[in-house]
Amino acid sequence: MAQFKPSANAKEIFIQGVTAEGKVFRPSDWAERLAGVMSAFRPGGAMPGDHISYSPWCVPTSINGVKCVIVQVELRDAEPMAWDFVINFGIDNDMVITEACSLP
């Protein structure tokens, strides 16, 4: 299995809804489903009613028409198993995974 280790200054990871071969990942609502599964993992832990909102650590979005999930690196330190799950979802599905960092 491939590994993904973000650089030391990475703040966010983008799991993009395209494969390494450039094919659009299906189903079309994969980002919302993945973020929904991750909704319980959040700063301070899950609270009543949290199931109806996304975690700030794992948010679905669309960038230039491509579905993405933005994963905050903070998730790795707070919930290592949840981090492994979401990153391995991208790896297992041969999705493009990139990172972003804060610029000084």
Protein backbone atom coordinates (compact mmCIF):
# COMPACT_ATOMS: atom_id res chain seq x y z
CA MET A 1 0.00 0.00 0.00
CA ALA A 2 1.25 3.48 -0.83
CA GLN A 3 2.04 5.88 1.98
CA PHE A 4 1.28 9.56 2.27
CA LYS A 5 3.21 11.64 4.74
CA PRO A 6 2.66 15.39 4.62
CA SER A 7 5.62 17.71 4.94
CA ALA A 8 6.35 19.33 8.30
CA ASN A 9 4.80 22.66 7.31
CA ALA A 10 1.61 21.22 5.75
CA LYS A 11 -1.61 22.56 7.28
CA GLU A 12 -4.22 21.01 4.99
CA ILE A 13 -4.48 17.97 2.76
CA PHE A 14 -6.65 18.01 -0.36
CA ILE A 15 -8.12 14.70 -1.47
CA GLN A 16 -9.26 15.41 -5.01
CA GLY A 17 -12.05 13.60 -6.80
CA VAL A 18 -9.86 12.50 -9.67
CA THR A 19 -7.68 9.44 -9.96
CA ALA A 20 -3.99 9.47 -10.80
CA GLU A 21 -5.08 8.58 -14.37
CA GLY A 22 -7.30 11.68 -14.53
CA LYS A 23 -10.65 9.89 -14.28
CA VAL A 24 -13.44 11.49 -12.24
CA PHE A 25 -14.08 9.54 -9.04
CA ARG A 26 -17.59 8.19 -8.57
CA PRO A 27 -20.11 8.34 -6.99
CA SER A 28 -20.57 12.06 -7.44
CA ASP A 29 -21.38 12.61 -3.74
CA TRP A 30 -18.27 10.83 -2.44
CA ALA A 31 -16.90 13.99 -0.76
CA GLU A 32 -20.08 14.61 1.23
CA ARG A 33 -20.25 10.93 2.23
CA LEU A 34 -16.64 10.85 3.39
CA ALA A 35 -16.99 14.12 5.33
CA GLY A 36 -20.22 12.82 6.84
CA VAL A 37 -18.46 9.72 8.16
CA MET A 38 -15.80 11.99 9.66
CA SER A 39 -18.30 14.42 11.26
CA ALA A 40 -17.83 13.01 14.77
CA PHE A 41 -14.12 13.82 14.78
CA ARG A 42 -13.80 17.44 15.85
CA PRO A 43 -12.07 19.64 18.41
CA GLY A 44 -13.48 18.89 21.85
CA GLY A 45 -15.08 15.65 20.64
CA ALA A 46 -18.57 14.97 19.36
CA MET A 47 -21.53 16.67 21.04
CA PRO A 48 -25.29 16.14 20.64
CA GLY A 49 -26.38 17.53 17.27
CA ASP A 50 -22.92 17.30 15.69
CA HIS A 51 -24.15 14.63 13.29
CA ILE A 52 -25.86 17.37 11.25
CA SER A 53 -22.68 19.33 10.56
CA TYR A 54 -19.26 18.56 9.10
CA SER A 55 -16.17 18.47 11.26
CA PRO A 56 -13.92 21.51 10.79
CA TRP A 57 -11.12 18.97 10.31
CA CYS A 58 -12.72 17.34 7.25
CA VAL A 59 -14.78 19.51 4.89
CA PRO A 60 -16.16 18.72 1.43
CA THR A 61 -15.82 21.39 -1.24
CA SER A 62 -15.37 21.90 -4.95
CA ILE A 63 -12.30 23.55 -6.45
CA ASN A 64 -12.36 24.46 -10.14
CA GLY A 65 -15.22 22.02 -10.65
CA VAL A 66 -13.43 19.12 -8.94
CA LYS A 67 -14.96 17.63 -5.79
CA CYS A 68 -12.47 17.63 -2.91
CA VAL A 69 -12.25 16.96 0.78
CA ILE A 70 -10.01 19.30 2.74
CA VAL A 71 -8.49 17.54 5.74
CA GLN A 72 -6.77 19.59 8.45
CA VAL A 73 -3.46 18.11 9.62
CA GLU A 74 -4.65 18.74 13.21
CA LEU A 75 -6.80 15.62 12.78
CA ARG A 76 -3.65 13.47 12.65
CA ASP A 77 -2.58 14.53 16.15
CA ALA A 78 -6.06 14.48 17.70
CA GLU A 79 -7.43 11.29 16.10
CA PRO A 80 -4.68 9.18 14.43
CA MET A 81 -7.05 6.35 13.43
CA ALA A 82 -9.51 8.79 11.81
CA TRP A 83 -6.57 10.41 9.99
CA ASP A 84 -5.43 7.02 8.70
CA PHE A 85 -8.96 6.19 7.58
CA VAL A 86 -9.48 9.35 5.54
CA ILE A 87 -5.99 9.38 4.01
CA ASN A 88 -6.18 5.68 3.17
CA PHE A 89 -9.54 6.27 1.49
CA GLY A 90 -7.74 8.54 -0.98
CA ILE A 91 -4.79 6.19 -1.39
CA ASP A 92 -6.93 3.06 -1.79
CA ASN A 93 -8.99 4.77 -4.49
CA ASP A 94 -5.90 6.09 -6.33
CA MET A 95 -7.06 9.68 -5.81
CA VAL A 96 -4.84 12.73 -6.18
CA ILE A 97 -3.71 13.91 -2.74
CA THR A 98 -1.92 17.23 -2.32
CA GLU A 99 -1.00 19.44 0.58
CA ALA A 100 -1.15 23.12 1.41
CA CYS A 101 0.79 25.15 3.91
CA SER A 102 0.64 28.61 5.41
CA LEU A 103 2.94 31.11 3.81
CA PRO A 104 4.82 33.59 5.99
